[in-house]
């Protein structure tokens, strides 16, 4: 009797389910990409939050290939915190089809940036064909329109009058400097007038080691930016878990536009491109100290009269590190993101010292990290 009741109940439920099926409209989401943000884990350093930024982005309102709001969506999905739309003033290949002023891309993207909790910086790119002067991004501007001028000095002067932060873009771009990446008197003059504040040491798939030396010598801020024109997933293979566009790590006191601006003027940045970091030594030291953690020794072994200790060295970031033991040329290891390795050391050793082969603090100088034992 119970079996008959159970079967009857199943039939009733089944008929009810079938009765609810809409034969006119159903949704199939098998291959639909979910609305998910990838969390990029980079540790904070003492006194600062670590924000991920891209300060060189183009849209259809210059020579980019996407609508401004898409740039915000891309940044949110990739785990960025701050972006600057920096469309060219002088180069507008789509102007036949788009009638707008130089502030339009920012205006169109702002609502979505607020909804996605992305800090959106108003900017523009001052674009001159020869070096010098070259290309410059002006960030934190009020109005891009009066910055347009045939005289690059007047363009930069107007941007600075608006409180802009000025970046020299891609200083080693082959199209403009085919033989060498050279510093010109023009840039010295800009610095003397407080009209140059940073340099892209990395742009898209290029990086310019000598520009890192210039940033250190001349107290300029380091940048790594994508200079993206195409849809981001057509330029970079982001399918891998730790894949990312070139970006600038900003060490800001708060997650606000004003705090980002203060951080840039203070030089609190590191460029991160591919698996490489480039920045000033004190910031790189702070980042590595918070990304690489040596745990207390868990084992002690005596070998041929010598006591050895064994401990775990952990990478708590999403940046891989290539470590070379200074006194042991055969000891080279890649410490993958979110992983640990076993390291050994003698009881009489006072520290472990590694050269970080993918962390540059000069054109030919790698960062060294020391773990006290």
Protein backbone atom coordinates (compact mmCIF):
# COMPACT_ATOMS: atom_id res chain seq x y z
CA UNK A 1 0.00 0.00 0.00
CA UNK A 2 2.83 2.40 0.93
CA UNK A 3 4.60 1.66 -2.37
CA UNK A 4 1.47 2.53 -4.33
CA UNK A 5 1.08 5.78 -2.41
CA UNK A 6 4.75 6.68 -3.03
CA UNK A 7 4.48 5.95 -6.76
CA UNK A 8 1.29 7.97 -6.94
CA UNK A 9 2.96 10.89 -5.19
CA UNK A 10 5.86 10.77 -7.66
CA UNK A 11 3.44 10.82 -10.57
CA UNK A 12 1.63 13.84 -9.15
CA UNK A 13 4.93 15.69 -8.59
CA UNK A 14 6.15 14.75 -12.05
CA UNK A 15 2.99 15.96 -13.73
CA UNK A 16 3.19 19.19 -11.72
CA UNK A 17 6.78 19.81 -12.85
CA UNK A 18 5.92 19.15 -16.49
CA UNK A 19 2.92 21.42 -16.21
CA UNK A 20 5.23 24.28 -15.17
CA UNK A 21 7.55 23.99 -18.18
CA UNK A 22 7.29 26.94 -20.52
CA UNK A 23 7.49 25.63 -24.08
CA UNK A 24 7.67 29.19 -25.44
CA UNK A 25 10.76 30.45 -23.65
CA UNK A 26 13.59 28.85 -21.67
CA UNK A 27 17.07 30.05 -20.81
CA UNK A 28 20.21 28.04 -21.53
CA UNK A 29 23.20 29.36 -19.55
CA UNK A 30 25.63 26.50 -20.15
CA UNK A 31 28.30 28.69 -21.82
CA UNK A 32 27.35 32.07 -20.37
CA UNK A 33 30.24 33.71 -18.54
CA UNK A 34 29.26 34.41 -14.91
CA UNK A 35 29.43 37.93 -13.48
CA UNK A 36 32.41 37.21 -11.24
CA UNK A 37 35.36 39.33 -10.15
CA UNK A 38 38.79 37.70 -9.90
CA UNK A 39 40.48 38.62 -6.64
CA UNK A 40 44.16 39.50 -7.15
CA UNK A 41 45.91 38.93 -3.84
CA UNK A 42 48.75 41.38 -3.30
CA UNK A 43 49.57 42.11 0.36
CA UNK A 44 49.32 45.55 1.85
CA UNK A 45 52.47 47.17 3.17
CA UNK A 46 52.69 49.00 6.53
CA UNK A 47 50.57 52.14 6.45
CA UNK A 48 49.18 51.57 2.97
CA UNK A 49 46.64 49.60 0.99
CA UNK A 50 47.81 47.96 -2.23
CA UNK A 51 45.57 48.95 -5.14
CA UNK A 52 45.77 47.54 -8.66
CA UNK A 53 45.60 50.15 -11.41
CA UNK A 54 45.89 50.73 -15.15
CA UNK A 55 46.46 54.37 -16.05
CA UNK A 56 46.62 54.10 -19.85
CA UNK A 57 43.41 52.90 -21.53
CA UNK A 58 41.73 53.78 -24.83
CA UNK A 59 38.13 53.64 -26.05
CA UNK A 60 36.29 54.28 -29.31
CA UNK A 61 36.51 57.99 -28.53
CA UNK A 62 40.08 57.91 -29.84
CA UNK A 63 41.64 54.84 -31.48
CA UNK A 64 40.31 52.16 -29.12
CA UNK A 65 37.88 49.45 -30.20
CA UNK A 66 35.42 49.29 -27.30
CA UNK A 67 32.78 51.44 -25.59
CA UNK A 68 33.90 53.20 -22.37
CA UNK A 69 31.66 51.14 -20.09
CA UNK A 70 33.30 47.94 -21.34
CA UNK A 71 36.63 49.19 -19.98
CA UNK A 72 35.06 49.40 -16.53
CA UNK A 73 33.54 45.91 -16.84
CA UNK A 74 36.89 44.46 -17.94
CA UNK A 75 38.72 46.09 -15.04
CA UNK A 76 36.16 44.88 -12.50
CA UNK A 77 36.26 41.29 -13.75
CA UNK A 78 40.07 41.27 -13.70
CA UNK A 79 40.33 42.49 -10.11
CA UNK A 80 41.56 46.04 -10.71
CA UNK A 81 40.70 48.87 -8.32
CA UNK A 82 41.46 51.99 -10.35
CA UNK A 83 41.65 52.87 -14.06
CA UNK A 84 42.16 56.01 -16.12
CA UNK A 85 40.57 56.45 -19.54
CA UNK A 86 43.20 58.37 -21.52
CA UNK A 87 41.94 58.83 -25.06
CA UNK A 88 44.09 60.78 -27.49
CA UNK A 89 43.25 64.42 -28.01
CA UNK A 90 44.87 64.72 -31.44
CA UNK A 91 44.18 61.29 -32.95
CA UNK A 92 40.48 60.49 -33.41
CA UNK A 93 40.01 57.95 -36.23
CA UNK A 94 36.33 57.37 -35.33
CA UNK A 95 35.28 61.04 -35.29
CA UNK A 96 33.35 60.58 -38.55
CA UNK A 97 31.00 58.29 -36.65
CA UNK A 98 31.21 59.75 -33.13
CA UNK A 99 30.43 63.38 -32.49
CA UNK A 100 31.51 64.27 -28.97
CA UNK A 101 34.00 66.29 -26.96
CA UNK A 102 37.11 64.95 -25.24
CA UNK A 103 35.33 64.35 -21.92
CA UNK A 104 32.63 62.05 -23.27
CA UNK A 105 34.30 58.69 -22.62
CA UNK A 106 34.77 59.55 -18.94
CA UNK A 107 31.16 60.71 -18.62
CA UNK A 108 29.84 57.51 -20.23
CA UNK A 109 31.94 55.25 -18.01
CA UNK A 110 31.41 57.03 -14.69
CA UNK A 111 28.00 55.57 -13.77
CA UNK A 112 29.20 52.00 -14.31
CA UNK A 113 32.42 52.71 -12.40
CA UNK A 114 30.38 53.85 -9.40
CA UNK A 115 28.17 50.75 -9.62
CA UNK A 116 31.21 48.44 -9.89
CA UNK A 117 33.22 50.19 -7.17
CA UNK A 118 36.01 51.06 -9.62
CA UNK A 119 37.90 54.33 -9.05
CA UNK A 120 37.72 56.10 -12.42
CA UNK A 121 40.31 58.79 -13.14
CA UNK A 122 39.60 61.45 -15.74
CA UNK A 123 42.55 61.69 -18.10
CA UNK A 124 43.71 62.28 -21.64
CA UNK A 125 46.71 61.50 -23.83
CA UNK A 126 48.66 64.37 -25.36
CA UNK A 127 49.93 62.83 -28.58
CA UNK A 128 52.86 64.23 -30.58
CA UNK A 129 54.51 62.18 -33.30
CA UNK A 130 58.18 62.87 -32.61
CA UNK A 131 60.43 62.36 -29.58
CA UNK A 132 60.80 64.81 -28.06
CA UNK A 133 58.10 65.56 -27.09
CA UNK A 134 56.40 62.14 -27.52
CA UNK A 135 53.20 61.05 -25.78
CA UNK A 136 52.00 62.07 -22.32
CA UNK A 137 49.10 61.02 -20.13
CA UNK A 138 47.53 63.76 -18.03
CA UNK A 139 45.63 62.30 -15.05
CA UNK A 140 43.13 63.91 -12.63
CA UNK A 141 42.20 66.63 -15.10
CA UNK A 142 39.01 68.71 -14.92
CA UNK A 143 38.36 69.30 -18.63
CA UNK A 144 40.23 67.70 -21.53
CA UNK A 145 39.04 70.17 -24.17
CA UNK A 146 41.26 73.18 -23.36
CA UNK A 147 44.29 70.87 -23.14
CA UNK A 148 44.19 70.37 -26.92
CA UNK A 149 46.88 72.57 -28.47
CA UNK A 150 49.39 72.27 -31.31
CA UNK A 151 52.08 73.42 -28.87
CA UNK A 152 52.81 70.51 -26.54
CA UNK A 153 54.22 72.82 -23.88
CA UNK A 154 50.95 74.74 -23.74
CA UNK A 155 48.97 71.48 -23.58
CA UNK A 156 51.01 70.27 -20.61
CA UNK A 157 50.88 73.71 -18.98
CA UNK A 158 47.07 73.71 -19.14
CA UNK A 159 46.86 70.17 -17.76
CA UNK A 160 49.13 71.08 -14.83
CA UNK A 161 47.06 74.21 -14.22
CA UNK A 162 44.12 71.83 -13.69
CA UNK A 163 46.15 69.86 -11.12
CA UNK A 164 47.16 67.05 -13.48
CA UNK A 165 49.74 64.34 -12.89
CA UNK A 166 51.85 63.99 -16.08
CA UNK A 167 53.31 60.66 -17.30
CA UNK A 168 55.79 60.23 -20.14
CA UNK A 169 54.39 57.26 -22.05
CA UNK A 170 56.38 54.38 -23.59
CA UNK A 171 59.77 56.19 -23.71
CA UNK A 172 61.40 53.35 -25.65
CA UNK A 173 58.67 52.85 -28.23
CA UNK A 174 60.45 51.75 -31.42
CA UNK A 175 58.24 53.84 -33.69
CA UNK A 176 59.51 57.01 -32.02
CA UNK A 177 62.95 55.98 -30.71
CA UNK A 178 64.14 53.20 -33.06
CA UNK A 179 67.79 53.16 -31.99
CA UNK A 180 67.84 53.79 -28.25
CA UNK A 181 65.77 54.94 -25.31
CA UNK A 182 67.17 58.42 -24.82
CA UNK A 183 66.67 61.19 -22.29
CA UNK A 184 66.31 64.60 -23.93
CA UNK A 185 66.77 68.12 -22.58
CA UNK A 186 63.06 68.67 -23.18
CA UNK A 187 62.23 66.35 -20.27
CA UNK A 188 64.76 68.02 -17.99
CA UNK A 189 63.01 71.31 -18.70
CA UNK A 190 59.63 69.76 -17.88
CA UNK A 191 60.94 68.52 -14.53
CA UNK A 192 62.39 71.93 -13.72
CA UNK A 193 58.88 73.39 -14.16
CA UNK A 194 57.19 70.55 -12.23
CA UNK A 195 55.47 69.37 -15.41
CA UNK A 196 56.66 65.76 -15.50
CA UNK A 197 55.84 63.39 -12.62
CA UNK A 198 56.16 59.80 -13.84
CA UNK A 199 57.33 57.44 -16.58
CA UNK A 200 55.96 54.21 -17.99
CA UNK A 201 58.78 51.74 -17.43
CA UNK A 202 56.46 49.11 -18.91
CA UNK A 203 53.88 49.58 -21.66
CA UNK A 204 51.84 46.67 -23.10
CA UNK A 205 54.37 43.91 -23.88
CA UNK A 206 57.47 46.15 -23.67
CA UNK A 207 59.57 47.36 -20.78
CA UNK A 208 62.41 49.86 -20.67
CA UNK A 209 64.95 49.07 -17.91
CA UNK A 210 66.80 52.36 -18.34
CA UNK A 211 63.57 54.23 -17.53
CA UNK A 212 63.60 52.62 -14.09
CA UNK A 213 66.98 54.25 -13.44
CA UNK A 214 65.58 57.60 -14.55
CA UNK A 215 62.68 57.26 -12.11
CA UNK A 216 65.08 56.65 -9.23
CA UNK A 217 67.57 59.38 -10.20
CA UNK A 218 64.98 62.05 -10.96
CA UNK A 219 62.40 61.09 -8.32
CA UNK A 220 59.71 60.20 -10.85
CA UNK A 221 56.88 57.74 -10.30
CA UNK A 222 57.07 54.25 -11.84
CA UNK A 223 54.22 52.97 -14.03
CA UNK A 224 53.30 49.76 -15.80
CA UNK A 225 50.24 50.18 -18.02
CA UNK A 226 48.41 48.22 -20.70
CA UNK A 227 47.84 51.02 -23.26
CA UNK A 228 44.97 48.78 -24.31
CA UNK A 229 43.12 49.47 -27.57
CA UNK A 230 41.49 46.12 -28.36
CA UNK A 231 39.11 44.22 -26.06
CA UNK A 232 41.36 43.11 -23.20
CA UNK A 233 40.75 39.38 -23.73
CA UNK A 234 41.81 39.66 -27.37
CA UNK A 235 45.18 41.17 -26.38
CA UNK A 236 45.96 39.04 -23.31
CA UNK A 237 45.23 35.39 -22.56
CA UNK A 238 43.48 35.76 -19.23
CA UNK A 239 42.27 32.15 -19.06
CA UNK A 240 45.15 31.15 -16.80
CA UNK A 241 44.48 31.62 -13.11
CA UNK A 242 47.30 34.10 -12.50
CA UNK A 243 47.28 35.83 -15.89
CA UNK A 244 46.88 39.61 -15.84
CA UNK A 245 47.35 42.74 -17.90
CA UNK A 246 50.33 45.04 -17.18
CA UNK A 247 49.41 47.17 -14.21
CA UNK A 248 50.63 49.59 -11.59
CA UNK A 249 50.54 48.65 -7.91
CA UNK A 250 49.59 51.78 -5.98
CA UNK A 251 50.29 52.02 -2.26
CA UNK A 252 47.60 54.39 -1.03
CA UNK A 253 46.49 55.33 2.45
CA UNK A 254 42.83 54.83 1.51
CA UNK A 255 40.83 53.40 -1.36
CA UNK A 256 39.80 56.80 -2.71
CA UNK A 257 40.57 58.91 -5.78
CA UNK A 258 42.26 61.58 -3.67
CA UNK A 259 44.42 59.02 -1.91
CA UNK A 260 45.45 57.51 -5.26
CA UNK A 261 46.44 60.97 -6.47
CA UNK A 262 48.51 61.56 -3.33
CA UNK A 263 50.18 58.16 -3.73
CA UNK A 264 51.16 58.89 -7.34
CA UNK A 265 52.63 62.28 -6.47
CA UNK A 266 54.51 60.62 -3.58
CA UNK A 267 55.97 57.98 -5.94
CA UNK A 268 54.34 55.07 -4.10
CA UNK A 269 54.09 52.60 -6.99
CA UNK A 270 55.55 49.41 -8.45
CA UNK A 271 55.06 48.24 -12.04
CA UNK A 272 53.88 44.63 -12.48
CA UNK A 273 54.00 43.22 -16.00
CA UNK A 274 54.09 39.55 -16.96
CA UNK A 275 55.90 37.91 -14.06
CA UNK A 276 58.18 40.91 -13.50
CA UNK A 277 58.16 43.67 -10.89
CA UNK A 278 59.98 46.99 -11.26
CA UNK A 279 60.12 49.77 -8.70
CA UNK A 280 62.07 51.65 -6.10
CA UNK A 281 64.02 49.69 -3.52
CA UNK A 282 62.24 50.72 -0.33
CA UNK A 283 58.81 49.88 -1.73
CA UNK A 284 59.99 46.61 -3.26
CA UNK A 285 61.52 45.64 0.08
CA UNK A 286 58.24 46.32 1.89
CA UNK A 287 56.21 44.37 -0.68
CA UNK A 288 58.51 41.33 -0.59
CA UNK A 289 58.62 41.31 3.21
CA UNK A 290 54.84 41.02 3.28
CA UNK A 291 54.54 38.58 0.36
CA UNK A 292 57.27 36.08 1.38
CA UNK A 293 56.97 34.60 4.87
CA UNK A 294 59.55 32.32 6.47
CA UNK A 295 57.84 30.09 9.03
CA UNK A 296 59.69 28.90 12.17
CA UNK A 297 61.79 25.77 11.71
CA UNK A 298 59.83 22.56 12.17
CA UNK A 299 62.65 20.01 12.05
CA UNK A 300 66.26 19.67 13.18
CA UNK A 301 68.65 17.11 11.67
CA UNK A 302 72.31 16.37 12.30
CA UNK A 303 74.39 15.54 9.20
CA UNK A 304 78.08 14.72 9.52
CA UNK A 305 78.36 16.67 12.73
CA UNK A 306 76.48 19.71 11.43
CA UNK A 307 73.03 20.67 12.63
CA UNK A 308 70.51 21.59 9.92
CA UNK A 309 67.13 23.21 10.31
CA UNK A 310 64.17 22.88 7.96
CA UNK A 311 61.41 25.47 7.54
CA UNK A 312 58.69 26.52 5.11
CA UNK A 313 59.02 29.60 2.93
CA UNK A 314 55.55 30.73 1.80
CA UNK A 315 54.36 33.07 -0.93
CA UNK A 316 51.05 34.59 0.16
CA UNK A 317 50.64 36.72 -2.98
CA UNK A 318 49.50 36.06 -6.55
CA UNK A 319 52.94 37.04 -7.87
CA UNK A 320 55.43 34.25 -8.68
CA UNK A 321 58.96 34.89 -7.41
CA UNK A 322 62.21 33.56 -8.86
CA UNK A 323 64.61 33.21 -5.94
CA UNK A 324 68.36 32.67 -6.20
CA UNK A 325 70.30 31.88 -3.02
CA UNK A 326 73.19 34.33 -2.90
CA UNK A 327 75.77 31.91 -1.54
CA UNK A 328 74.51 28.80 -3.35
CA UNK A 329 74.45 29.16 -7.13
CA UNK A 330 72.79 25.78 -7.50
CA UNK A 331 69.83 26.86 -5.36
CA UNK A 332 67.36 28.55 -7.65
CA UNK A 333 63.63 28.13 -7.24
CA UNK A 334 60.37 29.51 -8.52
CA UNK A 335 58.01 30.13 -5.66
CA UNK A 336 54.60 30.00 -7.30
CA UNK A 337 51.66 32.12 -6.11
CA UNK A 338 49.94 30.88 -2.95
CA UNK A 339 52.49 28.10 -2.39
CA UNK A 340 55.32 27.04 -0.07
CA UNK A 341 58.69 25.34 -0.37
CA UNK A 342 60.97 23.67 2.18
CA UNK A 343 64.26 25.47 2.80
CA UNK A 344 67.18 24.30 4.87
CA UNK A 345 69.94 26.14 6.69
CA UNK A 346 72.78 25.39 9.10
CA UNK A 347 72.42 26.09 12.79
CA UNK A 348 75.29 28.59 12.64
CA UNK A 349 73.71 30.69 9.87
CA UNK A 350 72.23 34.04 10.96
CA UNK A 351 70.10 34.72 7.89
CA UNK A 352 68.92 33.44 4.52
CA UNK A 353 69.58 35.80 1.62
CA UNK A 354 67.96 35.52 -1.81
CA UNK A 355 68.22 37.56 -4.96
CA UNK A 356 64.75 37.97 -6.48
CA UNK A 357 65.50 37.58 -10.18
CA UNK A 358 62.15 38.94 -11.36
CA UNK A 359 62.08 42.00 -9.06
CA UNK A 360 64.08 44.92 -10.48
CA UNK A 361 65.11 48.03 -8.54
CA UNK A 362 67.42 49.24 -11.32
CA UNK A 363 68.04 48.51 -14.97
CA UNK A 364 70.51 45.74 -14.06
CA UNK A 365 69.87 45.42 -10.32
CA UNK A 366 67.62 42.83 -8.71
CA UNK A 367 66.10 43.12 -5.28
CA UNK A 368 67.70 41.14 -2.46
CA UNK A 369 65.62 39.89 0.45
CA UNK A 370 67.09 38.79 3.78
CA UNK A 371 65.30 36.53 6.27
CA UNK A 372 66.67 36.74 9.78
CA UNK A 373 66.96 33.32 11.44
